[in-house]
Protein backbone atom coordinates (compact mmCIF):
# COMPACT_ATOMS: atom_id res chain seq x y z
CA UNK A 1 -19.29 11.95 -4.56
CA UNK A 2 -21.19 14.58 -2.57
CA UNK A 3 -22.01 14.03 1.09
CA UNK A 4 -23.66 16.18 3.75
CA UNK A 5 -22.57 14.92 7.16
CA UNK A 6 -24.55 15.32 10.41
CA UNK A 7 -23.90 18.51 12.38
CA UNK A 8 -23.21 16.52 15.57
CA UNK A 9 -20.20 14.67 14.14
CA UNK A 10 -17.16 14.89 16.42
CA UNK A 11 -14.84 12.41 14.71
CA UNK A 12 -14.39 11.34 11.08
CA UNK A 13 -12.20 8.77 9.33
CA UNK A 14 -12.23 7.75 5.66
CA UNK A 15 -11.16 4.14 5.00
CA UNK A 16 -9.73 3.76 1.49
CA UNK A 17 -9.65 0.60 -0.66
CA UNK A 18 -7.45 0.28 -3.74
CA UNK A 19 -7.23 -2.33 -6.50
CA UNK A 20 -5.07 -1.97 -9.64
CA UNK A 21 -5.50 -3.76 -12.97
CA UNK A 22 -4.81 -3.62 -16.70
CA UNK A 23 -1.42 -2.21 -17.63
CA UNK A 24 -0.93 -1.09 -14.01
CA UNK A 25 -1.57 -4.47 -12.37
CA UNK A 26 2.18 -4.68 -11.75
CA UNK A 27 2.80 -0.91 -11.59
CA UNK A 28 5.77 -1.40 -9.24
CA UNK A 29 7.70 -3.07 -12.10
CA UNK A 30 6.82 -0.64 -14.92
CA UNK A 31 9.82 1.03 -16.61
CA UNK A 32 9.67 4.67 -17.78
CA UNK A 33 8.25 5.46 -21.21
CA UNK A 34 11.68 6.55 -22.46
CA UNK A 35 12.99 2.99 -22.09
CA UNK A 36 10.00 1.53 -23.93
CA UNK A 37 10.14 4.07 -26.77
CA UNK A 38 13.91 3.90 -27.26
CA UNK A 39 13.79 0.10 -27.59
CA UNK A 40 10.57 0.04 -29.66
CA UNK A 41 8.96 -2.36 -27.19
CA UNK A 42 5.42 -3.56 -27.78
CA UNK A 43 4.08 -2.88 -24.29
CA UNK A 44 1.88 -0.25 -22.65
CA UNK A 45 3.10 -1.06 -19.14
CA UNK A 46 5.01 2.15 -18.66
CA UNK A 47 4.87 5.50 -16.81
CA UNK A 48 7.57 4.27 -14.39
CA UNK A 49 6.97 2.67 -10.99
CA UNK A 50 5.64 5.54 -8.86
CA UNK A 51 1.92 5.51 -8.03
CA UNK A 52 0.10 7.37 -5.26
CA UNK A 53 -3.60 7.54 -4.45
CA UNK A 54 -4.65 11.07 -3.45
CA UNK A 55 -7.79 11.63 -1.37
CA UNK A 56 -9.46 15.02 -1.89
CA UNK A 57 -12.10 17.02 -0.05
CA UNK A 58 -13.63 19.70 -2.28
CA UNK A 59 -10.63 19.26 -4.61
CA UNK A 60 -8.12 19.83 -1.77
CA UNK A 61 -5.78 16.93 -0.95
CA UNK A 62 -6.40 15.73 2.61
CA UNK A 63 -4.39 12.50 2.53
CA UNK A 64 -2.57 10.04 0.33
CA UNK A 65 -1.76 6.34 0.07
CA UNK A 66 0.98 4.40 -1.66
CA UNK A 67 -0.75 1.03 -1.69
CA UNK A 68 0.66 -2.31 -0.67
CA UNK A 69 1.71 -4.08 -3.91
CA UNK A 70 -0.84 -6.89 -3.88
CA UNK A 71 -0.04 -9.62 -6.43
CA UNK A 72 -3.12 -11.28 -7.85
CA UNK A 73 -3.36 -15.01 -8.50
CA UNK A 74 -2.10 -14.78 -12.09
CA UNK A 75 0.79 -12.50 -11.19
CA UNK A 76 4.56 -13.04 -11.59
CA UNK A 77 4.25 -16.85 -11.72
CA UNK A 78 0.71 -18.31 -11.38
CA UNK A 79 2.21 -21.55 -10.04
CA UNK A 80 3.25 -19.70 -6.86
CA UNK A 81 -0.39 -19.29 -5.86
CA UNK A 82 -1.60 -22.89 -5.65
CA UNK A 83 -2.91 -23.43 -2.97
CA UNK A 84 -1.33 -20.46 -1.10
CA UNK A 85 -2.32 -17.04 -2.45
CA UNK A 86 -0.23 -13.90 -2.24
CA UNK A 87 -0.50 -11.50 0.68
CA UNK A 88 -3.73 -9.51 0.44
CA UNK A 89 -4.99 -11.13 -2.78
CA UNK A 90 -8.22 -12.34 -1.15
CA UNK A 91 -8.31 -9.64 1.55
CA UNK A 92 -7.14 -6.28 0.21
CA UNK A 93 -5.59 -3.97 2.83
CA UNK A 94 -7.41 -0.74 3.65
CA UNK A 95 -5.94 2.61 4.62
CA UNK A 96 -7.39 5.00 7.22
CA UNK A 97 -7.14 8.76 6.77
CA UNK A 98 -8.22 10.84 9.78
CA UNK A 99 -10.51 13.71 8.77
CA UNK A 100 -11.34 15.06 12.25
CA UNK A 101 -9.15 18.19 11.82
CA UNK A 102 -11.27 19.09 8.74
CA UNK A 103 -14.62 19.05 10.55
CA UNK A 104 -14.86 22.85 10.43
CA UNK A 105 -15.31 22.48 6.67
CA UNK A 106 -17.63 19.49 6.86
CA UNK A 107 -19.99 20.85 9.52
CA UNK A 108 -21.23 23.89 7.59
CA UNK A 109 -24.44 22.14 6.53
CA UNK A 110 -23.41 21.98 2.87
CA UNK A 111 -22.77 19.03 0.56
CA UNK A 112 -19.05 18.33 0.18
CA UNK A 113 -17.28 16.31 -2.46
CA UNK A 114 -14.84 13.48 -1.76
CA UNK A 115 -12.66 12.35 -4.63
CA UNK A 116 -9.73 10.13 -5.53
CA UNK A 117 -6.87 10.57 -7.96
CA UNK A 118 -4.00 8.20 -8.80
CA UNK A 119 -0.74 9.94 -9.69
CA UNK A 120 0.93 8.68 -12.90
CA UNK A 121 -1.68 5.91 -13.28
CA UNK A 122 -2.56 3.83 -16.33
CA UNK A 123 -6.09 2.44 -16.58
CA UNK A 124 -7.48 0.95 -14.66
CA UNK A 125 -7.59 1.50 -10.89
CA UNK A 126 -10.56 0.75 -8.65
CA UNK A 127 -10.68 3.10 -5.65
CA UNK A 128 -13.49 3.30 -3.11
CA UNK A 129 -13.93 4.17 0.55
CA UNK A 130 -16.04 3.90 3.68
CA UNK A 131 -16.70 7.14 5.58
CA UNK A 132 -16.83 6.48 9.34
CA UNK A 133 -18.52 9.11 11.51
CA UNK A 134 -18.84 9.36 15.31
CA UNK A 135 -21.94 11.29 16.45
CA UNK A 136 -22.64 13.11 19.71
CA UNK A 137 -26.15 12.00 20.72
CA UNK A 138 -26.38 14.73 23.34
CA UNK A 139 -25.90 17.67 20.96
CA UNK A 140 -27.53 18.84 17.74
CA UNK A 141 -24.38 20.67 16.70
CA UNK A 142 -20.74 20.56 17.66
CA UNK A 143 -18.19 23.33 17.10
CA UNK A 144 -14.97 22.77 15.15
CA UNK A 145 -12.06 24.74 13.76
CA UNK A 146 -9.05 23.86 11.63
CA UNK A 147 -5.73 25.14 13.01
CA UNK A 148 -2.99 23.87 10.70
CA UNK A 149 -2.91 22.16 7.30
CA UNK A 150 0.18 21.07 5.41
CA UNK A 151 0.18 18.33 2.76
CA UNK A 152 3.08 19.24 0.45
CA UNK A 153 3.67 17.48 -2.85
CA UNK A 154 5.80 14.36 -2.61
CA UNK A 155 9.48 15.06 -3.27
CA UNK A 156 10.59 12.64 -5.99
CA UNK A 157 14.16 11.93 -7.08
CA UNK A 158 14.58 9.91 -10.27
CA UNK A 159 17.72 8.38 -11.75
CA UNK A 160 17.50 6.65 -15.14
CA UNK A 161 20.41 5.00 -16.95
CA UNK A 162 20.11 2.54 -19.81
CA UNK A 163 21.89 1.39 -22.94
CA UNK A 164 19.54 -0.39 -25.30
CA UNK A 165 17.79 -3.11 -23.26
CA UNK A 166 20.07 -3.00 -20.21
CA UNK A 167 19.77 -0.33 -17.56
CA UNK A 168 18.60 0.77 -14.14
CA UNK A 169 15.82 3.07 -12.93
CA UNK A 170 15.62 4.41 -9.38
CA UNK A 171 12.89 6.43 -7.70
CA UNK A 172 12.92 7.86 -4.18
CA UNK A 173 10.05 9.82 -2.71
CA UNK A 174 9.37 11.50 0.64
CA UNK A 175 6.49 13.45 2.11
CA UNK A 176 5.66 14.80 5.56
CA UNK A 177 2.04 15.83 6.16
CA UNK A 178 0.63 17.62 9.20
CA UNK A 179 -2.86 18.82 10.01
CA UNK A 180 -4.50 19.94 13.24
CA UNK A 181 -7.98 20.97 14.35
CA UNK A 182 -10.18 21.15 17.44
CA UNK A 183 -13.71 19.91 18.06
CA UNK A 184 -15.89 20.99 20.99
CA UNK A 185 -18.49 18.32 21.76
CA UNK A 186 -20.10 16.68 24.78
CA UNK A 187 -16.89 14.78 25.50
CA UNK A 188 -14.86 18.00 25.71
CA UNK A 189 -12.90 20.51 23.67
CA UNK A 190 -10.32 18.26 22.02
CA UNK A 191 -7.57 19.08 19.56
CA UNK A 192 -6.44 16.38 17.10
CA UNK A 193 -2.92 16.46 15.68
CA UNK A 194 -2.11 14.20 12.70
CA UNK A 195 1.48 13.73 11.51
CA UNK A 196 2.33 11.37 8.64
CA UNK A 197 5.72 10.52 7.17
CA UNK A 198 5.97 8.60 3.91
CA UNK A 199 9.06 7.16 2.23
CA UNK A 200 9.04 5.33 -1.10
CA UNK A 201 11.97 3.58 -2.81
CA UNK A 202 11.88 1.60 -6.06
CA UNK A 203 14.68 0.19 -8.23
CA UNK A 204 14.29 -1.68 -11.52
CA UNK A 205 17.32 -3.23 -13.24
CA UNK A 206 17.54 -4.95 -16.63
CA UNK A 207 20.55 -7.20 -17.35
CA UNK A 208 21.68 -9.70 -19.99
CA UNK A 209 20.23 -7.76 -22.89
CA UNK A 210 17.01 -7.20 -20.98
CA UNK A 211 16.33 -10.87 -20.30
CA UNK A 212 16.85 -10.53 -16.54
CA UNK A 213 14.75 -8.09 -14.55
CA UNK A 214 15.19 -7.28 -10.85
CA UNK A 215 12.59 -5.17 -9.06
CA UNK A 216 13.06 -3.92 -5.51
CA UNK A 217 10.58 -1.75 -3.68
CA UNK A 218 10.11 -0.58 -0.12
CA UNK A 219 7.47 1.72 1.33
CA UNK A 220 7.56 3.04 4.90
CA UNK A 221 4.68 4.90 6.52
CA UNK A 222 4.56 6.36 10.03
CA UNK A 223 1.39 8.00 11.32
CA UNK A 224 1.20 9.72 14.70
CA UNK A 225 -2.25 10.68 16.02
CA UNK A 226 -2.30 12.86 19.14
CA UNK A 227 -5.35 14.19 20.99
CA UNK A 228 -5.09 16.93 23.65
CA UNK A 229 -7.56 18.80 25.82
CA UNK A 230 -8.01 22.57 25.55
CA UNK A 231 -5.61 22.94 28.49
CA UNK A 232 -2.90 20.95 26.68
CA UNK A 233 -3.35 17.72 28.65
CA UNK A 234 -2.52 14.65 26.58
CA UNK A 235 -5.63 12.51 26.11
CA UNK A 236 -4.23 9.88 23.75
CA UNK A 237 -1.21 9.20 21.55
CA UNK A 238 -1.31 6.50 18.88
CA UNK A 239 1.54 5.57 16.53
CA UNK A 240 1.19 3.28 13.54
CA UNK A 241 4.09 2.10 11.38
CA UNK A 242 3.82 0.08 8.19
CA UNK A 243 6.54 -1.28 5.93
CA UNK A 244 6.01 -3.02 2.59
CA UNK A 245 8.98 -4.81 1.03
CA UNK A 246 9.09 -6.47 -2.39
CA UNK A 247 11.79 -8.11 -4.51
CA UNK A 248 11.11 -9.84 -7.82
CA UNK A 249 13.72 -11.48 -10.04
CA UNK A 250 12.78 -12.89 -13.43
CA UNK A 251 15.03 -14.39 -16.12
CA UNK A 252 13.66 -15.23 -19.55
CA UNK A 253 15.03 -17.57 -22.24
CA UNK A 254 13.49 -17.95 -25.68
CA UNK A 255 11.94 -21.35 -26.36
CA UNK A 256 12.61 -23.52 -29.40
CA UNK A 257 9.00 -23.28 -30.60
CA UNK A 258 7.37 -20.11 -31.90
CA UNK A 259 5.98 -17.72 -29.24
CA UNK A 260 7.39 -19.78 -26.35
CA UNK A 261 9.79 -18.92 -23.55
CA UNK A 262 11.18 -20.27 -20.30
CA UNK A 263 11.02 -17.98 -17.27
CA UNK A 264 12.74 -18.45 -13.92
CA UNK A 265 11.08 -16.47 -11.11
CA UNK A 266 11.91 -15.57 -7.52
CA UNK A 267 9.86 -13.45 -5.14
CA UNK A 268 10.23 -11.99 -1.64
CA UNK A 269 7.25 -10.11 -0.27
CA UNK A 270 6.31 -8.79 3.18
CA UNK A 271 3.75 -6.68 5.02
CA UNK A 272 4.76 -5.39 8.46
CA UNK A 273 2.71 -3.29 10.84
CA UNK A 274 3.24 -1.98 14.36
CA UNK A 275 0.71 -0.11 16.50
CA UNK A 276 1.33 1.54 19.84
CA UNK A 277 -0.68 3.67 22.25
CA UNK A 278 -0.73 4.29 25.98
CA UNK A 279 -2.89 1.22 26.59
CA UNK A 280 -2.00 -1.32 23.88
CA UNK A 281 0.73 -2.39 21.48
CA UNK A 282 0.75 -4.93 18.64
CA UNK A 283 2.92 -6.09 15.76
CA UNK A 284 2.17 -8.06 12.61
CA UNK A 285 4.67 -9.62 10.21
CA UNK A 286 3.40 -11.44 7.11
CA UNK A 287 6.03 -12.58 4.60
CA UNK A 288 6.40 -14.87 1.59
CA UNK A 289 9.31 -16.39 -0.29
CA UNK A 290 8.67 -18.03 -3.67
CA UNK A 291 10.84 -19.71 -6.29
CA UNK A 292 10.00 -21.49 -9.54
CA UNK A 293 10.01 -21.69 -13.31
CA UNK A 294 7.44 -21.94 -16.07
CA UNK A 295 7.37 -22.74 -19.77
CA UNK A 296 4.98 -20.40 -21.55
CA UNK A 297 3.36 -20.20 -24.97
CA UNK A 298 1.90 -16.75 -25.57
CA UNK A 299 0.20 -16.21 -22.15
CA UNK A 300 -0.49 -19.88 -21.33
CA UNK A 301 1.67 -21.78 -18.83
CA UNK A 302 2.39 -25.18 -20.39
CA UNK A 303 4.54 -26.59 -17.58
CA UNK A 304 6.56 -25.54 -14.58
CA UNK A 305 7.36 -25.94 -10.91
CA UNK A 306 7.13 -23.65 -7.89
CA UNK A 307 7.61 -23.54 -4.13
CA UNK A 308 6.07 -21.05 -1.73
CA UNK A 309 6.69 -20.44 1.95
CA UNK A 310 4.65 -18.04 4.04
CA UNK A 311 5.11 -17.03 7.66
CA UNK A 312 2.66 -14.98 9.70
CA UNK A 313 3.18 -13.64 13.21
CA UNK A 314 0.86 -11.47 15.25
CA UNK A 315 1.78 -10.37 18.77
CA UNK A 316 0.25 -7.96 21.27
CA UNK A 317 0.35 -7.31 25.01
CA UNK A 318 -1.97 -10.20 25.75
CA UNK A 319 -1.46 -12.87 23.10
CA UNK A 320 0.62 -14.18 20.25
CA UNK A 321 0.01 -16.33 17.19
CA UNK A 322 2.40 -17.56 14.50
CA UNK A 323 1.96 -19.86 11.54
CA UNK A 324 4.26 -21.14 8.79
CA UNK A 325 2.95 -22.81 5.65
CA UNK A 326 4.83 -24.29 2.68
CA UNK A 327 3.63 -25.53 -0.68
CA UNK A 328 5.31 -27.13 -3.69
CA UNK A 329 3.87 -27.74 -7.15
CA UNK A 330 0.31 -27.11 -6.09
CA UNK A 331 0.33 -29.27 -2.97
CA UNK A 332 0.41 -28.15 0.64
CA UNK A 333 3.45 -29.25 2.62
CA UNK A 334 4.22 -28.21 6.18
CA UNK A 335 1.61 -26.25 8.13
CA UNK A 336 2.59 -25.41 11.69
CA UNK A 337 1.23 -22.87 14.14
CA UNK A 338 2.12 -21.73 17.64
CA UNK A 339 0.86 -19.49 20.40
CA UNK A 340 4.44 -18.84 21.57
CA UNK A 341 6.43 -16.47 19.39
CA UNK A 342 8.51 -13.34 19.25
CA UNK A 343 8.57 -10.82 16.42
CA UNK A 344 9.87 -7.35 15.68
CA UNK A 345 9.72 -4.96 12.79
């Protein structure tokens, strides 16, 4: 999409939204194509378990996102999600990418193109964004210049071992991105430094002739945003850390009737976030533990049982809130909340 931004813009952030479907709905559990082809499996859910959303400005990568692995209400075991839904299913997370260091490019009065790519993706992914701009009402034009830009390709290490239907697949990825630029507006000549570290780990194991599958994934993101004056005085320093953890265990037994099977399922899922600046700090921990089974014909759940427990804790310098909810077989059980709590990442 092409956008011409106002010449008096002194700050810019693009807020990215991501939703994944089709054969990539559970991308974090997809085995590599070699495993599928060697075993002549009738599935298109392949390409391995690494996915990354790349944000581009005029075809140059200016940021990236490995999304939180949201599980939709039919995912893993549909009985888990009655009446509690999975983390983010009804409120998808968004991801901010600071564009202020790139204002020299954006303020030239021309139309510029923003785009999105998903590395190793299978159709289909829905990616969109909001572009947030801060305008200086006292100036028609502000001055800006990019100083440093470094967004190297992610360094991936892959290890694949399998014998027929049993095997293990490991992926580790790291990336460190840095970009810097200054903007001279009515509020001063300010230099913005952005430093992002990304770490991705995924392991998929098949046991018992492929009837048991264990998926483990963890994503860590640390973003440091520093603003200094033209004399080097620190104006602000903000650090944001996020950690996404996921573990899924499924065991499948063939049923006595045609096209039926029994599946035992266990899930551990969490979203953790910590923010810190010179004036404010906060932490959020949202986690779920689920266990159950289901008897399935084709894609229809004929019977089953499931329990789900979710705990949520938010804490900052001024307040705290925690809540724990449990459900079993579609009915809500305990639901307790408190304004006194303690959490850590």
